Amino acid sequence: MNGFDPDCRRCERLAGFLDEVGARHPDYYCRPVPPFGAERPRLLIVGLAPGLHGANRSGRPFTGDHAGILLYQTLYLHGFASAPHSESVDDGLVLHDCRITNAVKCLPPQNKPVAAEINNCNAYLRAELESLPAGAVVLALGSIAHKAVVGAFGLRQATHKFGHAAEHPLPGERRLLDSYHCSRYNTQTRRLTEPMFQQVFARARELIDTR
């Protein structure tokens, strides 16, 4: 299976919800959101799922919502993006040696995919992960993304526990690096601060540059 199917409707609940949202917002993208960035990156960022008024509207991961503000600023500061903002799919932004994807490619109701939907989409994530070069870093934003990566590699969840700034070895000399998700809730409650987020990306850059 390829890493993405723009016409996927394997999850009945998600497909129906996209149809409903598309009827209310005919100018929104409202389809499975494709990964964005380099084809064989040394840094793959895995988020949870498209946001209602973010990626589901724009058609690009983390574009158009609060979570993308900190993410793209940080990518730019660490040399992974050509600009500090992602405005739209045609804004000319380029990611350098980096790609952004989601554990679930379709918008879920209340931003909460169920286990079956995560499992259905896991084959697409697995194909993306297997295409990464040796020595690549996978940065999981949040525990659901973390578990999806661990599951895609067929590893035991019990021995690969999520934690901010935690690191785990992956097959193919790759490495899994964790961060709290850069959601509005996490940043406003200070569960995730900008220095904490910067530290994780600095570590990702260090791992990439020393391999």
C-alpha atoms as a PDB file:
ATOM      1  CA  MET A   1       0.000   0.000   0.000  1.00  0.00           C
ATOM      2  CA  ASN A   2       1.228   3.498  -0.830  1.00  0.00           C
ATOM      3  CA  GLY A   3       1.634   6.130   1.862  1.00  0.00           C
ATOM      4  CA  PHE A   4      -1.468   8.024   0.783  1.00  0.00           C
ATOM      5  CA  ASP A   5      -4.777   7.524  -1.037  1.00  0.00           C
ATOM      6  CA  PRO A   6      -6.598  10.788  -1.865  1.00  0.00           C
ATOM      7  CA  ASP A   7      -9.833   8.890  -2.454  1.00  0.00           C
ATOM      8  CA  CYS A   8      -9.756   6.696   0.653  1.00  0.00           C
ATOM      9  CA  ARG A   9     -13.143   6.152   2.323  1.00  0.00           C
ATOM     10  CA  ARG A  10     -12.273   3.089   4.400  1.00  0.00           C
ATOM     11  CA  CYS A  11     -13.685   4.612   7.587  1.00  0.00           C
ATOM     12  CA  GLU A  12     -17.439   5.025   7.247  1.00  0.00           C
ATOM     13  CA  ARG A  13     -17.736   7.460  10.156  1.00  0.00           C
ATOM     14  CA  LEU A  14     -14.937   9.710   8.895  1.00  0.00           C
ATOM     15  CA  ALA A  15     -16.127   9.629   5.284  1.00  0.00           C
ATOM     16  CA  GLY A  16     -19.633  10.595   6.380  1.00  0.00           C
ATOM     17  CA  PHE A  17     -18.324  13.382   8.601  1.00  0.00           C
ATOM     18  CA  LEU A  18     -16.250  14.814   5.743  1.00  0.00           C
ATOM     19  CA  ASP A  19     -19.368  14.848   3.580  1.00  0.00           C
ATOM     20  CA  GLU A  20     -21.269  16.727   6.300  1.00  0.00           C
ATOM     21  CA  VAL A  21     -18.518  19.283   6.815  1.00  0.00           C
ATOM     22  CA  GLY A  22     -18.122  19.722   3.064  1.00  0.00           C
ATOM     23  CA  ALA A  23     -21.818  20.484   2.729  1.00  0.00           C
ATOM     24  CA  ARG A  24     -21.523  23.186   5.424  1.00  0.00           C
ATOM     25  CA  HIS A  25     -18.225  24.546   4.084  1.00  0.00           C
ATOM     26  CA  PRO A  26     -18.117  23.988   0.300  1.00  0.00           C
ATOM     27  CA  ASP A  27     -14.838  25.894  -0.002  1.00  0.00           C
ATOM     28  CA  TYR A  28     -13.020  23.540   2.433  1.00  0.00           C
ATOM     29  CA  TYR A  29     -10.713  20.745   1.228  1.00  0.00           C
ATOM     30  CA  CYS A  30     -12.660  18.001   3.103  1.00  0.00           C
ATOM     31  CA  ARG A  31     -10.704  14.989   1.844  1.00  0.00           C
ATOM     32  CA  PRO A  32      -7.840  12.873   3.179  1.00  0.00           C
ATOM     33  CA  VAL A  33      -5.018  15.377   3.687  1.00  0.00           C
ATOM     34  CA  PRO A  34      -1.765  14.425   1.911  1.00  0.00           C
ATOM     35  CA  PRO A  35       1.645  14.535   3.577  1.00  0.00           C
ATOM     36  CA  PHE A  36       3.649  17.696   2.902  1.00  0.00           C
ATOM     37  CA  GLY A  37       7.385  18.014   2.308  1.00  0.00           C
ATOM     38  CA  ALA A  38      10.405  16.111   1.018  1.00  0.00           C
ATOM     39  CA  GLU A  39       9.922  12.660  -0.486  1.00  0.00           C
ATOM     40  CA  ARG A  40      12.755  10.953   1.423  1.00  0.00           C
ATOM     41  CA  PRO A  41      13.282  13.169   4.443  1.00  0.00           C
ATOM     42  CA  ARG A  42      15.539  12.530   7.378  1.00  0.00           C
ATOM     43  CA  LEU A  43      12.874  14.083   9.638  1.00  0.00           C
ATOM     44  CA  LEU A  44       9.267  12.865   9.530  1.00  0.00           C
ATOM     45  CA  ILE A  45       6.819  14.689  11.789  1.00  0.00           C
ATOM     46  CA  VAL A  46       3.694  12.719  12.687  1.00  0.00           C
ATOM     47  CA  GLY A  47       0.671  14.580  14.018  1.00  0.00           C
ATOM     48  CA  LEU A  48      -2.717  13.292  15.119  1.00  0.00           C
ATOM     49  CA  ALA A  49      -5.222  14.253  12.394  1.00  0.00           C
ATOM     50  CA  PRO A  50      -6.310  17.268  10.311  1.00  0.00           C
ATOM     51  CA  GLY A  51      -8.014  20.064  12.237  1.00  0.00           C
ATOM     52  CA  LEU A  52     -11.512  21.167  11.270  1.00  0.00           C
ATOM     53  CA  HIS A  53     -10.563  24.714  10.274  1.00  0.00           C
ATOM     54  CA  GLY A  54      -6.882  23.956   9.683  1.00  0.00           C
ATOM     55  CA  ALA A  55      -5.644  21.196   7.403  1.00  0.00           C
ATOM     56  CA  ASN A  56      -9.187  20.073   6.608  1.00  0.00           C
ATOM     57  CA  ARG A  57      -9.814  23.554   5.213  1.00  0.00           C
ATOM     58  CA  SER A  58      -6.454  24.217   3.566  1.00  0.00           C
ATOM     59  CA  GLY A  59      -5.399  20.735   2.408  1.00  0.00           C
ATOM     60  CA  ARG A  60      -1.953  20.979   4.037  1.00  0.00           C
ATOM     61  CA  PRO A  61      -0.989  19.546   7.454  1.00  0.00           C
ATOM     62  CA  PHE A  62      -0.964  22.098  10.297  1.00  0.00           C
ATOM     63  CA  THR A  63      -1.935  24.963   7.996  1.00  0.00           C
ATOM     64  CA  GLY A  64      -4.640  27.401   9.024  1.00  0.00           C
ATOM     65  CA  ASP A  65      -4.926  26.547  12.726  1.00  0.00           C
ATOM     66  CA  HIS A  66      -3.229  27.502  15.980  1.00  0.00           C
ATOM     67  CA  ALA A  67      -1.057  24.371  16.230  1.00  0.00           C
ATOM     68  CA  GLY A  68       0.663  25.190  12.950  1.00  0.00           C
ATOM     69  CA  ILE A  69       1.881  28.592  14.123  1.00  0.00           C
ATOM     70  CA  LEU A  70       4.440  27.221  16.578  1.00  0.00           C
ATOM     71  CA  LEU A  71       5.285  24.221  14.398  1.00  0.00           C
ATOM     72  CA  TYR A  72       6.249  26.152  11.273  1.00  0.00           C
ATOM     73  CA  GLN A  73       8.080  28.841  13.237  1.00  0.00           C
ATOM     74  CA  THR A  74      10.136  26.113  14.878  1.00  0.00           C
ATOM     75  CA  LEU A  75      10.794  24.307  11.600  1.00  0.00           C
ATOM     76  CA  TYR A  76      12.105  27.555  10.121  1.00  0.00           C
ATOM     77  CA  LEU A  77      14.349  28.311  13.099  1.00  0.00           C
ATOM     78  CA  HIS A  78      15.995  24.893  12.825  1.00  0.00           C
ATOM     79  CA  GLY A  79      16.498  25.009   9.069  1.00  0.00           C
ATOM     80  CA  PHE A  80      13.691  22.655   8.042  1.00  0.00           C
ATOM     81  CA  ALA A  81      11.455  25.245   6.330  1.00  0.00           C
ATOM     82  CA  SER A  82      11.973  28.089   3.867  1.00  0.00           C
ATOM     83  CA  ALA A  83       9.638  30.429   5.779  1.00  0.00           C
ATOM     84  CA  PRO A  84       8.244  30.683   9.332  1.00  0.00           C
ATOM     85  CA  HIS A  85       4.587  30.588   8.289  1.00  0.00           C
ATOM     86  CA  SER A  86       2.351  28.221   6.329  1.00  0.00           C
ATOM     87  CA  GLU A  87      -0.523  30.168   4.823  1.00  0.00           C
ATOM     88  CA  SER A  88      -1.903  27.963   2.025  1.00  0.00           C
ATOM     89  CA  VAL A  89      -0.947  25.135  -0.335  1.00  0.00           C
ATOM     90  CA  ASP A  90       0.174  27.656  -2.968  1.00  0.00           C
ATOM     91  CA  ASP A  91       2.224  29.984  -0.753  1.00  0.00           C
ATOM     92  CA  GLY A  92       5.571  28.673  -2.026  1.00  0.00           C
ATOM     93  CA  LEU A  93       6.686  27.216   1.298  1.00  0.00           C
ATOM     94  CA  VAL A  94       9.298  24.456   0.985  1.00  0.00           C
ATOM     95  CA  LEU A  95      10.327  21.978   3.668  1.00  0.00           C
ATOM     96  CA  HIS A  96      14.002  20.996   3.698  1.00  0.00           C
ATOM     97  CA  ASP A  97      14.786  17.336   4.514  1.00  0.00           C
ATOM     98  CA  CYS A  98      11.462  17.172   6.372  1.00  0.00           C
ATOM     99  CA  ARG A  99       7.928  15.916   5.797  1.00  0.00           C
ATOM    100  CA  ILE A 100       4.758  16.346   7.869  1.00  0.00           C
ATOM    101  CA  THR A 101       2.041  13.718   7.990  1.00  0.00           C
ATOM    102  CA  ASN A 102      -0.721  12.556  10.341  1.00  0.00           C
ATOM    103  CA  ALA A 103      -1.543   9.268  12.033  1.00  0.00           C
ATOM    104  CA  VAL A 104      -5.089   9.699  10.674  1.00  0.00           C
ATOM    105  CA  LYS A 105      -5.384  11.449   7.321  1.00  0.00           C
ATOM    106  CA  CYS A 106      -9.070  12.472   7.626  1.00  0.00           C
ATOM    107  CA  LEU A 107     -10.784  14.915   9.955  1.00  0.00           C
ATOM    108  CA  PRO A 108     -12.368  13.057  12.921  1.00  0.00           C
ATOM    109  CA  PRO A 109     -15.374  14.400  14.851  1.00  0.00           C
ATOM    110  CA  GLN A 110     -14.207  16.438  17.875  1.00  0.00           C
ATOM    111  CA  ASN A 111     -10.632  15.684  16.740  1.00  0.00           C
ATOM    112  CA  LYS A 112     -10.939  12.236  18.327  1.00  0.00           C
ATOM    113  CA  PRO A 113     -10.396   9.256  16.011  1.00  0.00           C
ATOM    114  CA  VAL A 114     -11.449   5.882  17.362  1.00  0.00           C
ATOM    115  CA  ALA A 115      -9.083   2.900  17.511  1.00  0.00           C
ATOM    116  CA  ALA A 116     -10.470   1.280  14.351  1.00  0.00           C
ATOM    117  CA  GLU A 117      -9.851   4.474  12.368  1.00  0.00           C
ATOM    118  CA  ILE A 118      -6.291   4.747  13.614  1.00  0.00           C
ATOM    119  CA  ASN A 119      -5.740   1.105  12.678  1.00  0.00           C
ATOM    120  CA  ASN A 120      -7.271   1.562   9.217  1.00  0.00           C
ATOM    121  CA  CYS A 121      -4.898   4.438   8.495  1.00  0.00           C
ATOM    122  CA  ASN A 122      -1.870   2.712  10.002  1.00  0.00           C
ATOM    123  CA  ALA A 123      -0.980   0.922   6.775  1.00  0.00           C
ATOM    124  CA  TYR A 124      -0.508   4.295   5.070  1.00  0.00           C
ATOM    125  CA  LEU A 125       1.725   5.479   7.907  1.00  0.00           C
ATOM    126  CA  ARG A 126       3.677   2.214   7.755  1.00  0.00           C
ATOM    127  CA  ALA A 127       4.430   2.783   4.076  1.00  0.00           C
ATOM    128  CA  GLU A 128       5.673   6.290   4.848  1.00  0.00           C
ATOM    129  CA  LEU A 129       7.887   5.059   7.663  1.00  0.00           C
ATOM    130  CA  GLU A 130       9.355   2.246   5.597  1.00  0.00           C
ATOM    131  CA  SER A 131      10.308   4.727   2.875  1.00  0.00           C
ATOM    132  CA  LEU A 132      12.495   6.740   5.255  1.00  0.00           C
ATOM    133  CA  PRO A 133      16.253   6.434   4.837  1.00  0.00           C
ATOM    134  CA  ALA A 134      18.425   4.775   7.463  1.00  0.00           C
ATOM    135  CA  GLY A 135      19.206   7.147  10.299  1.00  0.00           C
ATOM    136  CA  ALA A 136      16.002   9.155   9.901  1.00  0.00           C
ATOM    137  CA  VAL A 137      14.232  10.683  12.904  1.00  0.00           C
ATOM    138  CA  VAL A 138      10.489  10.314  13.433  1.00  0.00           C
ATOM    139  CA  LEU A 139       9.037  13.049  15.639  1.00  0.00           C
ATOM    140  CA  ALA A 140       5.670  12.093  17.128  1.00  0.00           C
ATOM    141  CA  LEU A 141       3.471  14.957  18.293  1.00  0.00           C
ATOM    142  CA  GLY A 142       1.370  13.510  21.092  1.00  0.00           C
ATOM    143  CA  SER A 143       0.695  10.047  22.457  1.00  0.00           C
ATOM    144  CA  ILE A 144      -1.674   8.909  19.690  1.00  0.00           C
ATOM    145  CA  ALA A 145       0.891   9.689  17.003  1.00  0.00           C
ATOM    146  CA  HIS A 146       3.529   7.948  19.122  1.00  0.00           C
ATOM    147  CA  LYS A 147       1.420   4.798  19.480  1.00  0.00           C
ATOM    148  CA  ALA A 148       0.630   4.821  15.759  1.00  0.00           C
ATOM    149  CA  VAL A 149       4.347   4.880  14.900  1.00  0.00           C
ATOM    150  CA  VAL A 150       5.166   2.121  17.373  1.00  0.00           C
ATOM    151  CA  GLY A 151       2.295   0.026  16.025  1.00  0.00           C
ATOM    152  CA  ALA A 152       3.289   0.597  12.411  1.00  0.00           C
ATOM    153  CA  PHE A 153       6.692  -0.912  13.153  1.00  0.00           C
ATOM    154  CA  GLY A 154       5.099  -3.834  15.026  1.00  0.00           C
ATOM    155  CA  LEU A 155       6.852  -2.917  18.266  1.00  0.00           C
ATOM    156  CA  ARG A 156       5.566  -3.417  21.823  1.00  0.00           C
ATOM    157  CA  GLN A 157       3.809  -0.404  23.302  1.00  0.00           C
ATOM    158  CA  ALA A 158       4.828  -1.465  26.805  1.00  0.00           C
ATOM    159  CA  THR A 159       8.517  -1.034  26.042  1.00  0.00           C
ATOM    160  CA  HIS A 160       8.059   2.166  24.006  1.00  0.00           C
ATOM    161  CA  LYS A 161       6.237   4.536  26.322  1.00  0.00           C
ATOM    162  CA  PHE A 162       5.364   8.079  25.312  1.00  0.00           C
ATOM    163  CA  GLY A 163       6.942  10.993  27.140  1.00  0.00           C
ATOM    164  CA  HIS A 164       7.948  14.495  26.165  1.00  0.00           C
ATOM    165  CA  ALA A 165      11.508  14.418  24.782  1.00  0.00           C
ATOM    166  CA  ALA A 166      11.626  10.624  25.152  1.00  0.00           C
ATOM    167  CA  GLU A 167      13.636   8.695  22.553  1.00  0.00           C
ATOM    168  CA  HIS A 168      13.271   5.150  21.251  1.00  0.00           C
ATOM    169  CA  PRO A 169      15.259   3.153  18.677  1.00  0.00           C
ATOM    170  CA  LEU A 170      13.378   2.083  15.561  1.00  0.00           C
ATOM    171  CA  PRO A 171      14.215  -0.489  12.879  1.00  0.00           C
ATOM    172  CA  GLY A 172      16.554   0.643  10.119  1.00  0.00           C
ATOM    173  CA  GLU A 173      18.770   2.685  12.455  1.00  0.00           C
ATOM    174  CA  ARG A 174      15.937   5.189  12.738  1.00  0.00           C
ATOM    175  CA  ARG A 175      14.916   6.927  15.947  1.00  0.00           C
ATOM    176  CA  LEU A 176      11.584   7.942  17.466  1.00  0.00           C
ATOM    177  CA  LEU A 177      11.507  11.263  19.298  1.00  0.00           C
ATOM    178  CA  ASP A 178       8.428  12.381  21.250  1.00  0.00           C
ATOM    179  CA  SER A 179       6.898  15.758  21.988  1.00  0.00           C
ATOM    180  CA  TYR A 180       3.673  16.960  23.496  1.00  0.00           C
ATOM    181  CA  HIS A 181       1.371  18.078  20.710  1.00  0.00           C
ATOM    182  CA  CYS A 182       1.595  21.791  19.855  1.00  0.00           C
ATOM    183  CA  SER A 183      -2.164  22.236  20.268  1.00  0.00           C
ATOM    184  CA  ARG A 184      -3.725  25.427  21.585  1.00  0.00           C
ATOM    185  CA  TYR A 185      -4.730  23.606  24.788  1.00  0.00           C
ATOM    186  CA  ASN A 186      -1.178  22.400  25.503  1.00  0.00           C
ATOM    187  CA  THR A 187       0.468  25.750  24.801  1.00  0.00           C
ATOM    188  CA  GLN A 188      -2.098  27.858  26.655  1.00  0.00           C
ATOM    189  CA  THR A 189      -1.972  25.648  29.744  1.00  0.00           C
ATOM    190  CA  ARG A 190       1.854  25.701  29.533  1.00  0.00           C
ATOM    191  CA  ARG A 191       2.022  21.938  29.401  1.00  0.00           C
ATOM    192  CA  LEU A 192       4.129  22.645  26.328  1.00  0.00           C
ATOM    193  CA  THR A 193       6.198  25.818  26.287  1.00  0.00           C
ATOM    194  CA  GLU A 194       8.104  27.216  23.335  1.00  0.00           C
ATOM    195  CA  PRO A 195      11.502  26.398  24.922  1.00  0.00           C
ATOM    196  CA  MET A 196      10.349  22.792  25.464  1.00  0.00           C
ATOM    197  CA  PHE A 197       9.325  22.519  21.822  1.00  0.00           C
ATOM    198  CA  GLN A 198      12.542  24.149  20.625  1.00  0.00           C
ATOM    199  CA  GLN A 199      14.564  21.695  22.691  1.00  0.00           C
ATOM    200  CA  VAL A 200      12.954  18.709  20.969  1.00  0.00           C
ATOM    201  CA  PHE A 201      13.672  20.101  17.517  1.00  0.00           C
ATOM    202  CA  ALA A 202      17.230  20.940  18.497  1.00  0.00           C
ATOM    203  CA  ARG A 203      17.630  17.297  19.493  1.00  0.00           C
ATOM    204  CA  ALA A 204      16.122  16.164  16.187  1.00  0.00           C
ATOM    205  CA  ARG A 205      18.590  18.363  14.326  1.00  0.00           C
ATOM    206  CA  GLU A 206      21.455  16.977  16.421  1.00  0.00           C
ATOM    207  CA  LEU A 207      20.455  13.367  15.707  1.00  0.00           C
ATOM    208  CA  ILE A 208      20.169  14.029  11.979  1.00  0.00           C
ATOM    209  CA  ASP A 209      23.417  15.953  11.669  1.00  0.00           C
ATOM    210  CA  THR A 210      25.482  13.402  13.595  1.00  0.00           C
ATOM    211  CA  ARG A 211      24.333  10.347  11.605  1.00  0.00           C
END
